[in-house]
Amino acid sequence: MIVRFWRGRTLAGDADAYTDYMHETGIKAQRATPGNLASSILRRDEGTEVHFAVLSLWESWDAIRAFAGDAIETAVYFPEDRKYLLVLEPTVVHWEVPVWEAAEALVTHDRRTSA
């Protein structure tokens, strides 16, 4: 397995809208790609800026190529990312996962809809 890690920053006032946008574009595109095992949005509020990371888990390098193309280190952006992001990071980082332990049933969590 391989983890793909992307990061970016928005202004605090754009953070909720960008979270929704990332979910509707990047996360759904990753999840629709055969070989994607999981995708998550991580968020850290820091005053006037909000830092994001997208962590996705893939079964193989070929699965990542199916999502990102042959230049797998290049970040994948969607049309309105420029509207929200302060900087477009050009690359992502990958890690091979020698050990992954998780609960038998991973739960989908969306704090936007949680009570």
PDB file of N, CA and C in Angstrom:
ATOM      1  N   MET A   1       0.837  -1.178   0.000  1.00  0.00           N
ATOM      2  CA  MET A   1       0.000   0.000   0.000  1.00  0.00           C
ATOM      3  C   MET A   1       0.882   1.241   0.000  1.00  0.00           C
ATOM      4  N   ILE A   2       0.291   2.330  -0.485  1.00  0.00           N
ATOM      5  CA  ILE A   2       0.996   3.601  -0.564  1.00  0.00           C
ATOM      6  C   ILE A   2       0.077   4.706  -0.057  1.00  0.00           C
ATOM      7  N   VAL A   3       0.656   5.629   0.722  1.00  0.00           N
ATOM      8  CA  VAL A   3      -0.062   6.830   1.135  1.00  0.00           C
ATOM      9  C   VAL A   3       0.390   7.971   0.239  1.00  0.00           C
ATOM     10  N   ARG A   4      -0.565   8.744  -0.237  1.00  0.00           N
ATOM     11  CA  ARG A   4      -0.315   9.954  -1.022  1.00  0.00           C
ATOM     12  C   ARG A   4      -0.719  11.133  -0.145  1.00  0.00           C
ATOM     13  N   PHE A   5       0.171  12.122  -0.011  1.00  0.00           N
ATOM     14  CA  PHE A   5      -0.044  13.232   0.905  1.00  0.00           C
ATOM     15  C   PHE A   5       0.111  14.553   0.170  1.00  0.00           C
ATOM     16  N   TRP A   6      -0.964  15.381   0.212  1.00  0.00           N
ATOM     17  CA  TRP A   6      -0.961  16.721  -0.369  1.00  0.00           C
ATOM     18  C   TRP A   6      -1.284  17.722   0.728  1.00  0.00           C
ATOM     19  N   ARG A   7      -0.764  18.948   0.596  1.00  0.00           N
ATOM     20  CA  ARG A   7      -1.112  19.982   1.566  1.00  0.00           C
ATOM     21  C   ARG A   7      -1.347  21.316   0.888  1.00  0.00           C
ATOM     22  N   GLY A   8      -2.144  22.173   1.573  1.00  0.00           N
ATOM     23  CA  GLY A   8      -2.442  23.503   1.067  1.00  0.00           C
ATOM     24  C   GLY A   8      -2.974  24.394   2.179  1.00  0.00           C
ATOM     25  N   ARG A   9      -3.119  25.697   1.867  1.00  0.00           N
ATOM     26  CA  ARG A   9      -3.600  26.675   2.852  1.00  0.00           C
ATOM     27  C   ARG A   9      -4.631  27.593   2.220  1.00  0.00           C
ATOM     28  N   THR A  10      -5.629  27.968   3.030  1.00  0.00           N
ATOM     29  CA  THR A  10      -6.621  28.959   2.629  1.00  0.00           C
ATOM     30  C   THR A  10      -6.718  30.023   3.707  1.00  0.00           C
ATOM     31  N   LEU A  11      -7.411  31.096   3.388  1.00  0.00           N
ATOM     32  CA  LEU A  11      -7.790  32.050   4.417  1.00  0.00           C
ATOM     33  C   LEU A  11      -8.878  31.407   5.263  1.00  0.00           C
ATOM     34  N   ALA A  12      -8.934  31.762   6.542  1.00  0.00           N
ATOM     35  CA  ALA A  12      -9.910  31.159   7.452  1.00  0.00           C
ATOM     36  C   ALA A  12     -11.341  31.303   6.934  1.00  0.00           C
ATOM     37  N   GLY A  13     -11.668  32.425   6.342  1.00  0.00           N
ATOM     38  CA  GLY A  13     -13.023  32.650   5.836  1.00  0.00           C
ATOM     39  C   GLY A  13     -13.414  31.760   4.672  1.00  0.00           C
ATOM     40  N   ASP A  14     -12.434  31.155   4.014  1.00  0.00           N
ATOM     41  CA  ASP A  14     -12.700  30.262   2.871  1.00  0.00           C
ATOM     42  C   ASP A  14     -12.675  28.788   3.249  1.00  0.00           C
ATOM     43  N   ALA A  15     -12.305  28.479   4.489  1.00  0.00           N
ATOM     44  CA  ALA A  15     -12.014  27.098   4.872  1.00  0.00           C
ATOM     45  C   ALA A  15     -13.207  26.160   4.749  1.00  0.00           C
ATOM     46  N   ASP A  16     -14.371  26.563   5.215  1.00  0.00           N
ATOM     47  CA  ASP A  16     -15.536  25.677   5.134  1.00  0.00           C
ATOM     48  C   ASP A  16     -15.931  25.416   3.686  1.00  0.00           C
ATOM     49  N   ALA A  17     -15.950  26.465   2.880  1.00  0.00           N
ATOM     50  CA  ALA A  17     -16.301  26.301   1.464  1.00  0.00           C
ATOM     51  C   ALA A  17     -15.268  25.426   0.760  1.00  0.00           C
ATOM     52  N   TYR A  18     -13.979  25.605   1.104  1.00  0.00           N
ATOM     53  CA  TYR A  18     -12.957  24.794   0.457  1.00  0.00           C
ATOM     54  C   TYR A  18     -13.034  23.334   0.886  1.00  0.00           C
ATOM     55  N   THR A  19     -13.368  23.097   2.143  1.00  0.00           N
ATOM     56  CA  THR A  19     -13.575  21.719   2.595  1.00  0.00           C
ATOM     57  C   THR A  19     -14.645  21.048   1.748  1.00  0.00           C
ATOM     58  N   ASP A  20     -15.768  21.713   1.555  1.00  0.00           N
ATOM     59  CA  ASP A  20     -16.850  21.171   0.728  1.00  0.00           C
ATOM     60  C   ASP A  20     -16.382  20.954  -0.705  1.00  0.00           C
ATOM     61  N   TYR A  21     -15.651  21.930  -1.249  1.00  0.00           N
ATOM     62  CA  TYR A  21     -15.159  21.831  -2.619  1.00  0.00           C
ATOM     63  C   TYR A  21     -14.204  20.654  -2.775  1.00  0.00           C
ATOM     64  N   MET A  22     -13.267  20.496  -1.834  1.00  0.00           N
ATOM     65  CA  MET A  22     -12.336  19.365  -1.906  1.00  0.00           C
ATOM     66  C   MET A  22     -13.074  18.035  -1.862  1.00  0.00           C
ATOM     67  N   HIS A  23     -14.086  17.969  -1.005  1.00  0.00           N
ATOM     68  CA  HIS A  23     -14.849  16.724  -0.908  1.00  0.00           C
ATOM     69  C   HIS A  23     -15.546  16.407  -2.230  1.00  0.00           C
ATOM     70  N   GLU A  24     -16.161  17.414  -2.826  1.00  0.00           N
ATOM     71  CA  GLU A  24     -16.921  17.205  -4.060  1.00  0.00           C
ATOM     72  C   GLU A  24     -16.040  16.949  -5.282  1.00  0.00           C
ATOM     73  N   THR A  25     -14.800  17.394  -5.252  1.00  0.00           N
ATOM     74  CA  THR A  25     -13.909  17.218  -6.412  1.00  0.00           C
ATOM     75  C   THR A  25     -12.853  16.151  -6.128  1.00  0.00           C
ATOM     76  N   GLY A  26     -11.829  16.522  -5.386  1.00  0.00           N
ATOM     77  CA  GLY A  26     -10.682  15.636  -5.188  1.00  0.00           C
ATOM     78  C   GLY A  26     -10.995  14.334  -4.482  1.00  0.00           C
ATOM     79  N   ILE A  27     -11.715  14.414  -3.369  1.00  0.00           N
ATOM     80  CA  ILE A  27     -12.011  13.186  -2.620  1.00  0.00           C
ATOM     81  C   ILE A  27     -12.891  12.263  -3.440  1.00  0.00           C
ATOM     82  N   LYS A  28     -13.937  12.804  -4.048  1.00  0.00           N
ATOM     83  CA  LYS A  28     -14.814  11.944  -4.861  1.00  0.00           C
ATOM     84  C   LYS A  28     -14.076  11.373  -6.067  1.00  0.00           C
ATOM     85  N   ALA A  29     -13.163  12.139  -6.666  1.00  0.00           N
ATOM     86  CA  ALA A  29     -12.380  11.622  -7.792  1.00  0.00           C
ATOM     87  C   ALA A  29     -11.440  10.507  -7.330  1.00  0.00           C
ATOM     88  N   GLN A  30     -10.815  10.688  -6.165  1.00  0.00           N
ATOM     89  CA  GLN A  30      -9.960   9.630  -5.639  1.00  0.00           C
ATOM     90  C   GLN A  30     -10.776   8.376  -5.355  1.00  0.00           C
ATOM     91  N   ARG A  31     -11.884   8.538  -4.665  1.00  0.00           N
ATOM     92  CA  ARG A  31     -12.698   7.384  -4.268  1.00  0.00           C
ATOM     93  C   ARG A  31     -13.270   6.641  -5.479  1.00  0.00           C
ATOM     94  N   ALA A  32     -13.459   7.352  -6.575  1.00  0.00           N
ATOM     95  CA  ALA A  32     -13.984   6.720  -7.795  1.00  0.00           C
ATOM     96  C   ALA A  32     -12.903   5.995  -8.591  1.00  0.00           C
ATOM     97  N   THR A  33     -11.648   6.159  -8.201  1.00  0.00           N
ATOM     98  CA  THR A  33     -10.536   5.527  -8.908  1.00  0.00           C
ATOM     99  C   THR A  33     -10.306   4.128  -8.356  1.00  0.00           C
ATOM    100  N   PRO A  34     -10.374   3.107  -9.209  1.00  0.00           N
ATOM    101  CA  PRO A  34     -10.087   1.756  -8.726  1.00  0.00           C
ATOM    102  C   PRO A  34      -8.706   1.699  -8.077  1.00  0.00           C
ATOM    103  N   GLY A  35      -8.650   1.074  -6.919  1.00  0.00           N
ATOM    104  CA  GLY A  35      -7.392   0.957  -6.200  1.00  0.00           C
ATOM    105  C   GLY A  35      -7.232   1.972  -5.085  1.00  0.00           C
ATOM    106  N   ASN A  36      -8.159   2.949  -4.994  1.00  0.00           N
ATOM    107  CA  ASN A  36      -8.142   3.859  -3.848  1.00  0.00           C
ATOM    108  C   ASN A  36      -8.828   3.151  -2.701  1.00  0.00           C
ATOM    109  N   LEU A  37      -8.135   3.066  -1.565  1.00  0.00           N
ATOM    110  CA  LEU A  37      -8.655   2.354  -0.411  1.00  0.00           C
ATOM    111  C   LEU A  37      -9.313   3.279   0.606  1.00  0.00           C
ATOM    112  N   ALA A  38      -8.873   4.542   0.645  1.00  0.00           N
ATOM    113  CA  ALA A  38      -9.426   5.521   1.583  1.00  0.00           C
ATOM    114  C   ALA A  38      -8.900   6.898   1.214  1.00  0.00           C
ATOM    115  N   SER A  39      -9.659   7.930   1.578  1.00  0.00           N
ATOM    116  CA  SER A  39      -9.235   9.316   1.381  1.00  0.00           C
ATOM    117  C   SER A  39      -9.755  10.147   2.538  1.00  0.00           C
ATOM    118  N   SER A  40      -8.906  11.057   3.026  1.00  0.00           N
ATOM    119  CA  SER A  40      -9.269  11.892   4.168  1.00  0.00           C
ATOM    120  C   SER A  40      -8.829  13.326   3.948  1.00  0.00           C
ATOM    121  N   ILE A  41      -9.615  14.257   4.488  1.00  0.00           N
ATOM    122  CA  ILE A  41      -9.223  15.658   4.551  1.00  0.00           C
ATOM    123  C   ILE A  41      -8.828  15.937   5.999  1.00  0.00           C
ATOM    124  N   LEU A  42      -7.638  16.483   6.185  1.00  0.00           N
ATOM    125  CA  LEU A  42      -7.180  16.901   7.505  1.00  0.00           C
ATOM    126  C   LEU A  42      -7.179  18.427   7.516  1.00  0.00           C
ATOM    127  N   ARG A  43      -7.534  19.010   8.655  1.00  0.00           N
ATOM    128  CA  ARG A  43      -7.666  20.468   8.745  1.00  0.00           C
ATOM    129  C   ARG A  43      -7.085  20.952  10.072  1.00  0.00           C
ATOM    130  N   ARG A  44      -6.315  22.048   9.998  1.00  0.00           N
ATOM    131  CA  ARG A  44      -5.757  22.669  11.200  1.00  0.00           C
ATOM    132  C   ARG A  44      -5.941  24.178  11.089  1.00  0.00           C
ATOM    133  N   ASP A  45      -6.764  24.741  11.976  1.00  0.00           N
ATOM    134  CA  ASP A  45      -7.010  26.181  12.003  1.00  0.00           C
ATOM    135  C   ASP A  45      -5.860  26.878  12.718  1.00  0.00           C
ATOM    136  N   GLU A  46      -5.318  27.922  12.085  1.00  0.00           N
ATOM    137  CA  GLU A  46      -4.226  28.689  12.683  1.00  0.00           C
ATOM    138  C   GLU A  46      -4.490  30.180  12.477  1.00  0.00           C
ATOM    139  N   GLY A  47      -5.423  30.703  13.248  1.00  0.00           N
ATOM    140  CA  GLY A  47      -5.722  32.132  13.174  1.00  0.00           C
ATOM    141  C   GLY A  47      -6.370  32.520  11.860  1.00  0.00           C
ATOM    142  N   THR A  48      -5.689  33.342  11.082  1.00  0.00           N
ATOM    143  CA  THR A  48      -6.261  33.848   9.828  1.00  0.00           C
ATOM    144  C   THR A  48      -6.126  32.868   8.668  1.00  0.00           C
ATOM    145  N   GLU A  49      -5.377  31.794   8.875  1.00  0.00           N
ATOM    146  CA  GLU A  49      -5.193  30.787   7.826  1.00  0.00           C
ATOM    147  C   GLU A  49      -5.615  29.413   8.334  1.00  0.00           C
ATOM    148  N   VAL A  50      -5.992  28.564   7.392  1.00  0.00           N
ATOM    149  CA  VAL A  50      -6.313  27.178   7.708  1.00  0.00           C
ATOM    150  C   VAL A  50      -5.455  26.291   6.810  1.00  0.00           C
ATOM    151  N   HIS A  51      -4.787  25.336   7.440  1.00  0.00           N
ATOM    152  CA  HIS A  51      -3.938  24.385   6.722  1.00  0.00           C
ATOM    153  C   HIS A  51      -4.742  23.113   6.467  1.00  0.00           C
ATOM    154  N   PHE A  52      -4.612  22.590   5.257  1.00  0.00           N
ATOM    155  CA  PHE A  52      -5.277  21.356   4.879  1.00  0.00           C
ATOM    156  C   PHE A  52      -4.249  20.335   4.431  1.00  0.00           C
ATOM    157  N   ALA A  53      -4.607  19.083   4.596  1.00  0.00           N
ATOM    158  CA  ALA A  53      -3.851  17.988   4.004  1.00  0.00           C
ATOM    159  C   ALA A  53      -4.874  16.974   3.508  1.00  0.00           C
ATOM    160  N   VAL A  54      -4.558  16.360   2.400  1.00  0.00           N
ATOM    161  CA  VAL A  54      -5.360  15.240   1.917  1.00  0.00           C
ATOM    162  C   VAL A  54      -4.459  14.023   1.973  1.00  0.00           C
ATOM    163  N   LEU A  55      -4.917  13.038   2.707  1.00  0.00           N
ATOM    164  CA  LEU A  55      -4.193  11.795   2.893  1.00  0.00           C
ATOM    165  C   LEU A  55      -5.021  10.702   2.221  1.00  0.00           C
ATOM    166  N   SER A  56      -4.438  10.049   1.232  1.00  0.00           N
ATOM    167  CA  SER A  56      -5.167   8.980   0.554  1.00  0.00           C
ATOM    168  C   SER A  56      -4.331   7.706   0.569  1.00  0.00           C
ATOM    169  N   LEU A  57      -5.022   6.595   0.619  1.00  0.00           N
ATOM    170  CA  LEU A  57      -4.392   5.278   0.702  1.00  0.00           C
ATOM    171  C   LEU A  57      -4.697   4.510  -0.579  1.00  0.00           C
ATOM    172  N   TRP A  58      -3.657   3.954  -1.183  1.00  0.00           N
ATOM    173  CA  TRP A  58      -3.768   3.305  -2.493  1.00  0.00           C
ATOM    174  C   TRP A  58      -3.199   1.905  -2.428  1.00  0.00           C
ATOM    175  N   GLU A  59      -3.754   1.021  -3.235  1.00  0.00           N
ATOM    176  CA  GLU A  59      -3.270  -0.357  -3.227  1.00  0.00           C
ATOM    177  C   GLU A  59      -2.002  -0.548  -4.050  1.00  0.00           C
ATOM    178  N   SER A  60      -1.717   0.369  -5.005  1.00  0.00           N
ATOM    179  CA  SER A  60      -0.543   0.193  -5.860  1.00  0.00           C
ATOM    180  C   SER A  60      -0.156   1.510  -6.526  1.00  0.00           C
ATOM    181  N   TRP A  61       1.060   1.509  -7.094  1.00  0.00           N
ATOM    182  CA  TRP A  61       1.508   2.667  -7.876  1.00  0.00           C
ATOM    183  C   TRP A  61       0.645   2.836  -9.113  1.00  0.00           C
ATOM    184  N   ASP A  62       0.202   1.737  -9.700  1.00  0.00           N
ATOM    185  CA  ASP A  62      -0.668   1.828 -10.882  1.00  0.00           C
ATOM    186  C   ASP A  62      -1.995   2.499 -10.543  1.00  0.00           C
ATOM    187  N   ALA A  63      -2.524   2.240  -9.353  1.00  0.00           N
ATOM    188  CA  ALA A  63      -3.768   2.891  -8.940  1.00  0.00           C
ATOM    189  C   ALA A  63      -3.554   4.401  -8.814  1.00  0.00           C
ATOM    190  N   ILE A  64      -2.420   4.802  -8.279  1.00  0.00           N
ATOM    191  CA  ILE A  64      -2.118   6.235  -8.173  1.00  0.00           C
ATOM    192  C   ILE A  64      -2.003   6.845  -9.559  1.00  0.00           C
ATOM    193  N   ARG A  65      -1.344   6.156 -10.475  1.00  0.00           N
ATOM    194  CA  ARG A  65      -1.229   6.649 -11.856  1.00  0.00           C
ATOM    195  C   ARG A  65      -2.605   6.814 -12.509  1.00  0.00           C
ATOM    196  N   ALA A  66      -3.518   5.922 -12.185  1.00  0.00           N
ATOM    197  CA  ALA A  66      -4.875   6.033 -12.752  1.00  0.00           C
ATOM    198  C   ALA A  66      -5.556   7.324 -12.295  1.00  0.00           C
ATOM    199  N   PHE A  67      -5.225   7.784 -11.100  1.00  0.00           N
ATOM    200  CA  PHE A  67      -5.780   9.040 -10.592  1.00  0.00           C
ATOM    201  C   PHE A  67      -4.975  10.253 -11.053  1.00  0.00           C
ATOM    202  N   ALA A  68      -3.652  10.187 -10.911  1.00  0.00           N
ATOM    203  CA  ALA A  68      -2.799  11.364 -11.071  1.00  0.00           C
ATOM    204  C   ALA A  68      -2.102  11.464 -12.422  1.00  0.00           C
ATOM    205  N   GLY A  69      -2.102  10.395 -13.201  1.00  0.00           N
ATOM    206  CA  GLY A  69      -1.332  10.387 -14.438  1.00  0.00           C
ATOM    207  C   GLY A  69       0.074   9.872 -14.175  1.00  0.00           C
ATOM    208  N   ASP A  70       0.882   9.838 -15.219  1.00  0.00           N
ATOM    209  CA  ASP A  70       2.222   9.260 -15.115  1.00  0.00           C
ATOM    210  C   ASP A  70       3.156  10.062 -14.204  1.00  0.00           C
ATOM    211  N   ALA A  71       2.940  11.368 -14.107  1.00  0.00           N
ATOM    212  CA  ALA A  71       3.775  12.208 -13.240  1.00  0.00           C
ATOM    213  C   ALA A  71       3.158  12.202 -11.841  1.00  0.00           C
ATOM    214  N   ILE A  72       3.293  11.084 -11.147  1.00  0.00           N
ATOM    215  CA  ILE A  72       2.555  10.893  -9.894  1.00  0.00           C
ATOM    216  C   ILE A  72       2.977  11.845  -8.787  1.00  0.00           C
ATOM    217  N   GLU A  73       4.152  12.451  -8.881  1.00  0.00           N
ATOM    218  CA  GLU A  73       4.593  13.407  -7.858  1.00  0.00           C
ATOM    219  C   GLU A  73       3.964  14.789  -8.057  1.00  0.00           C
ATOM    220  N   THR A  74       3.319  15.008  -9.183  1.00  0.00           N
ATOM    221  CA  THR A  74       2.689  16.298  -9.463  1.00  0.00           C
ATOM    222  C   THR A  74       1.317  16.346  -8.797  1.00  0.00           C
ATOM    223  N   ALA A  75       1.045  17.446  -8.101  1.00  0.00           N
ATOM    224  CA  ALA A  75      -0.254  17.615  -7.438  1.00  0.00           C
ATOM    225  C   ALA A  75      -1.372  17.700  -8.474  1.00  0.00           C
ATOM    226  N   VAL A  76      -2.532  17.160  -8.128  1.00  0.00           N
ATOM    227  CA  VAL A  76      -3.713  17.222  -8.981  1.00  0.00           C
ATOM    228  C   VAL A  76      -4.594  18.366  -8.467  1.00  0.00           C
ATOM    229  N   TYR A  77      -4.906  19.311  -9.342  1.00  0.00           N
ATOM    230  CA  TYR A  77      -5.765  20.425  -8.972  1.00  0.00           C
ATOM    231  C   TYR A  77      -7.026  20.442  -9.823  1.00  0.00           C
ATOM    232  N   PHE A  78      -8.057  21.058  -9.273  1.00  0.00           N
ATOM    233  CA  PHE A  78      -9.350  21.167  -9.926  1.00  0.00           C
ATOM    234  C   PHE A  78      -9.619  22.640 -10.221  1.00  0.00           C
ATOM    235  N   PRO A  79     -10.587  22.942 -11.124  1.00  0.00           N
ATOM    236  CA  PRO A  79     -10.742  24.305 -11.644  1.00  0.00           C
ATOM    237  C   PRO A  79     -10.820  25.428 -10.607  1.00  0.00           C
ATOM    238  N   GLU A  80     -11.486  25.246  -9.494  1.00  0.00           N
ATOM    239  CA  GLU A  80     -11.650  26.339  -8.542  1.00  0.00           C
ATOM    240  C   GLU A  80     -10.638  26.330  -7.398  1.00  0.00           C
ATOM    241  N   ASP A  81      -9.664  25.439  -7.424  1.00  0.00           N
ATOM    242  CA  ASP A  81      -8.649  25.432  -6.364  1.00  0.00           C
ATOM    243  C   ASP A  81      -7.947  26.785  -6.259  1.00  0.00           C
ATOM    244  N   ARG A  82      -7.674  27.422  -7.387  1.00  0.00           N
ATOM    245  CA  ARG A  82      -6.989  28.723  -7.380  1.00  0.00           C
ATOM    246  C   ARG A  82      -7.807  29.792  -6.653  1.00  0.00           C
ATOM    247  N   LYS A  83      -9.116  29.637  -6.662  1.00  0.00           N
ATOM    248  CA  LYS A  83     -10.007  30.589  -5.983  1.00  0.00           C
ATOM    249  C   LYS A  83      -9.776  30.571  -4.470  1.00  0.00           C
ATOM    250  N   TYR A  84      -9.418  29.415  -3.924  1.00  0.00           N
ATOM    251  CA  TYR A  84      -9.303  29.243  -2.478  1.00  0.00           C
ATOM    252  C   TYR A  84      -7.876  29.220  -1.945  1.00  0.00           C
ATOM    253  N   LEU A  85      -6.984  28.583  -2.650  1.00  0.00           N
ATOM    254  CA  LEU A  85      -5.649  28.318  -2.108  1.00  0.00           C
ATOM    255  C   LEU A  85      -4.733  29.534  -2.172  1.00  0.00           C
ATOM    256  N   LEU A  86      -3.940  29.714  -1.129  1.00  0.00           N
ATOM    257  CA  LEU A  86      -2.980  30.809  -1.089  1.00  0.00           C
ATOM    258  C   LEU A  86      -1.770  30.504  -1.960  1.00  0.00           C
ATOM    259  N   VAL A  87      -1.394  29.231  -2.048  1.00  0.00           N
ATOM    260  CA  VAL A  87      -0.276  28.769  -2.873  1.00  0.00           C
ATOM    261  C   VAL A  87      -0.669  27.416  -3.448  1.00  0.00           C
ATOM    262  N   LEU A  88      -0.330  27.178  -4.705  1.00  0.00           N
ATOM    263  CA  LEU A  88      -0.553  25.857  -5.298  1.00  0.00           C
ATOM    264  C   LEU A  88       0.741  25.055  -5.164  1.00  0.00           C
ATOM    265  N   GLU A  89       0.775  24.179  -4.190  1.00  0.00           N
ATOM    266  CA  GLU A  89       1.949  23.326  -4.009  1.00  0.00           C
ATOM    267  C   GLU A  89       2.115  22.469  -5.266  1.00  0.00           C
ATOM    268  N   PRO A  90       3.296  22.445  -5.869  1.00  0.00           N
ATOM    269  CA  PRO A  90       3.453  21.724  -7.134  1.00  0.00           C
ATOM    270  C   PRO A  90       3.511  20.204  -7.005  1.00  0.00           C
ATOM    271  N   THR A  91       3.882  19.713  -5.823  1.00  0.00           N
ATOM    272  CA  THR A  91       4.093  18.273  -5.699  1.00  0.00           C
ATOM    273  C   THR A  91       3.380  17.697  -4.482  1.00  0.00           C
ATOM    274  N   VAL A  92       3.285  16.392  -4.490  1.00  0.00           N
ATOM    275  CA  VAL A  92       2.780  15.614  -3.362  1.00  0.00           C
ATOM    276  C   VAL A  92       3.906  14.685  -2.917  1.00  0.00           C
ATOM    277  N   VAL A  93       3.700  14.040  -1.772  1.00  0.00           N
ATOM    278  CA  VAL A  93       4.682  13.096  -1.249  1.00  0.00           C
ATOM    279  C   VAL A  93       4.007  11.740  -1.101  1.00  0.00           C
ATOM    280  N   HIS A  94       4.729  10.693  -1.398  1.00  0.00           N
ATOM    281  CA  HIS A  94       4.230   9.323  -1.244  1.00  0.00           C
ATOM    282  C   HIS A  94       5.067   8.567  -0.231  1.00  0.00           C
ATOM    283  N   TRP A  95       4.420   7.695   0.505  1.00  0.00           N
ATOM    284  CA  TRP A  95       5.098   6.785   1.421  1.00  0.00           C
ATOM    285  C   TRP A  95       4.579   5.381   1.190  1.00  0.00           C
ATOM    286  N   GLU A  96       5.473   4.416   1.106  1.00  0.00           N
ATOM    287  CA  GLU A  96       5.044   3.027   1.108  1.00  0.00           C
ATOM    288  C   GLU A  96       4.664   2.669   2.540  1.00  0.00           C
ATOM    289  N   VAL A  97       3.670   1.822   2.678  1.00  0.00           N
ATOM    290  CA  VAL A  97       3.130   1.470   3.995  1.00  0.00           C
ATOM    291  C   VAL A  97       3.460   0.012   4.284  1.00  0.00           C
ATOM    292  N   PRO A  98       4.487  -0.249   5.083  1.00  0.00           N
ATOM    293  CA  PRO A  98       4.830  -1.631   5.387  1.00  0.00           C
ATOM    294  C   PRO A  98       3.878  -2.284   6.391  1.00  0.00           C
ATOM    295  N   VAL A  99       3.247  -1.457   7.241  1.00  0.00           N
ATOM    296  CA  VAL A  99       2.294  -1.982   8.223  1.00  0.00           C
ATOM    297  C   VAL A  99       1.123  -1.016   8.308  1.00  0.00           C
ATOM    298  N   TRP A 100      -0.087  -1.552   8.260  1.00  0.00           N
ATOM    299  CA  TRP A 100      -1.298  -0.752   8.444  1.00  0.00           C
ATOM    300  C   TRP A 100      -2.257  -1.589   9.262  1.00  0.00           C
ATOM    301  N   GLU A 101      -2.573  -1.144  10.444  1.00  0.00           N
ATOM    302  CA  GLU A 101      -3.544  -1.829  11.281  1.00  0.00           C
ATOM    303  C   GLU A 101      -4.728  -0.897  11.479  1.00  0.00           C
ATOM    304  N   ALA A 102      -5.916  -1.445  11.343  1.00  0.00           N
ATOM    305  CA  ALA A 102      -7.127  -0.641  11.514  1.00  0.00           C
ATOM    306  C   ALA A 102      -8.245  -1.537  12.022  1.00  0.00           C
ATOM    307  N   ALA A 103      -9.293  -0.906  12.499  1.00  0.00           N
ATOM    308  CA  ALA A 103     -10.473  -1.654  12.904  1.00  0.00           C
ATOM    309  C   ALA A 103     -11.008  -2.419  11.707  1.00  0.00           C
ATOM    310  N   GLU A 104     -11.677  -3.526  11.972  1.00  0.00           N
ATOM    311  CA  GLU A 104     -12.218  -4.328  10.866  1.00  0.00           C
ATOM    312  C   GLU A 104     -13.124  -3.510   9.966  1.00  0.00           C
ATOM    313  N   ALA A 105     -13.969  -2.708  10.563  1.00  0.00           N
ATOM    314  CA  ALA A 105     -14.885  -1.878   9.779  1.00  0.00           C
ATOM    315  C   ALA A 105     -14.500  -0.419   9.980  1.00  0.00           C
ATOM    316  N   LEU A 106     -13.916   0.184   8.946  1.00  0.00           N
ATOM    317  CA  LEU A 106     -13.599   1.607   9.019  1.00  0.00           C
ATOM    318  C   LEU A 106     -14.883   2.385   8.811  1.00  0.00           C
ATOM    319  N   VAL A 107     -15.059   3.419   9.594  1.00  0.00           N
ATOM    320  CA  VAL A 107     -16.290   4.194   9.564  1.00  0.00           C
ATOM    321  C   VAL A 107     -16.078   5.463   8.754  1.00  0.00           C
ATOM    322  N   THR A 108     -17.036   5.784   7.907  1.00  0.00           N
ATOM    323  CA  THR A 108     -17.010   7.053   7.211  1.00  0.00           C
ATOM    324  C   THR A 108     -17.432   8.130   8.189  1.00  0.00           C
ATOM    325  N   HIS A 109     -16.636   9.185   8.282  1.00  0.00           N
ATOM    326  CA  HIS A 109     -16.937  10.275   9.202  1.00  0.00           C
ATOM    327  C   HIS A 109     -16.923  11.577   8.421  1.00  0.00           C
ATOM    328  N   ASP A 110     -17.953  12.370   8.585  1.00  0.00           N
ATOM    329  CA  ASP A 110     -18.038  13.686   7.967  1.00  0.00           C
ATOM    330  C   ASP A 110     -18.528  14.633   9.039  1.00  0.00           C
ATOM    331  N   ARG A 111     -17.620  15.397   9.645  1.00  0.00           N
ATOM    332  CA  ARG A 111     -18.019  16.269  10.753  1.00  0.00           C
ATOM    333  C   ARG A 111     -18.981  17.351  10.306  1.00  0.00           C
ATOM    334  N   ARG A 112     -19.025  17.625   9.000  1.00  0.00           N
ATOM    335  CA  ARG A 112     -19.960  18.624   8.496  1.00  0.00           C
ATOM    336  C   ARG A 112     -21.396  18.169   8.708  1.00  0.00           C
ATOM    337  N   THR A 113     -21.594  16.841   8.788  1.00  0.00           N
ATOM    338  CA  THR A 113     -22.964  16.314   8.952  1.00  0.00           C
ATOM    339  C   THR A 113     -23.176  15.633  10.288  1.00  0.00           C
ATOM    340  N   SER A 114     -22.125  15.597  11.142  1.00  0.00           N
ATOM    341  CA  SER A 114     -22.242  14.955  12.458  1.00  0.00           C
ATOM    342  C   SER A 114     -22.885  15.915  13.447  1.00  0.00           C
ATOM    343  N   ALA A 115     -23.626  15.343  14.377  1.00  0.00           N
ATOM    344  CA  ALA A 115     -24.266  16.183  15.403  1.00  0.00           C
ATOM    345  C   ALA A 115     -23.291  16.488  16.508  1.00  0.00           C
TER     346      ALA A 115
END
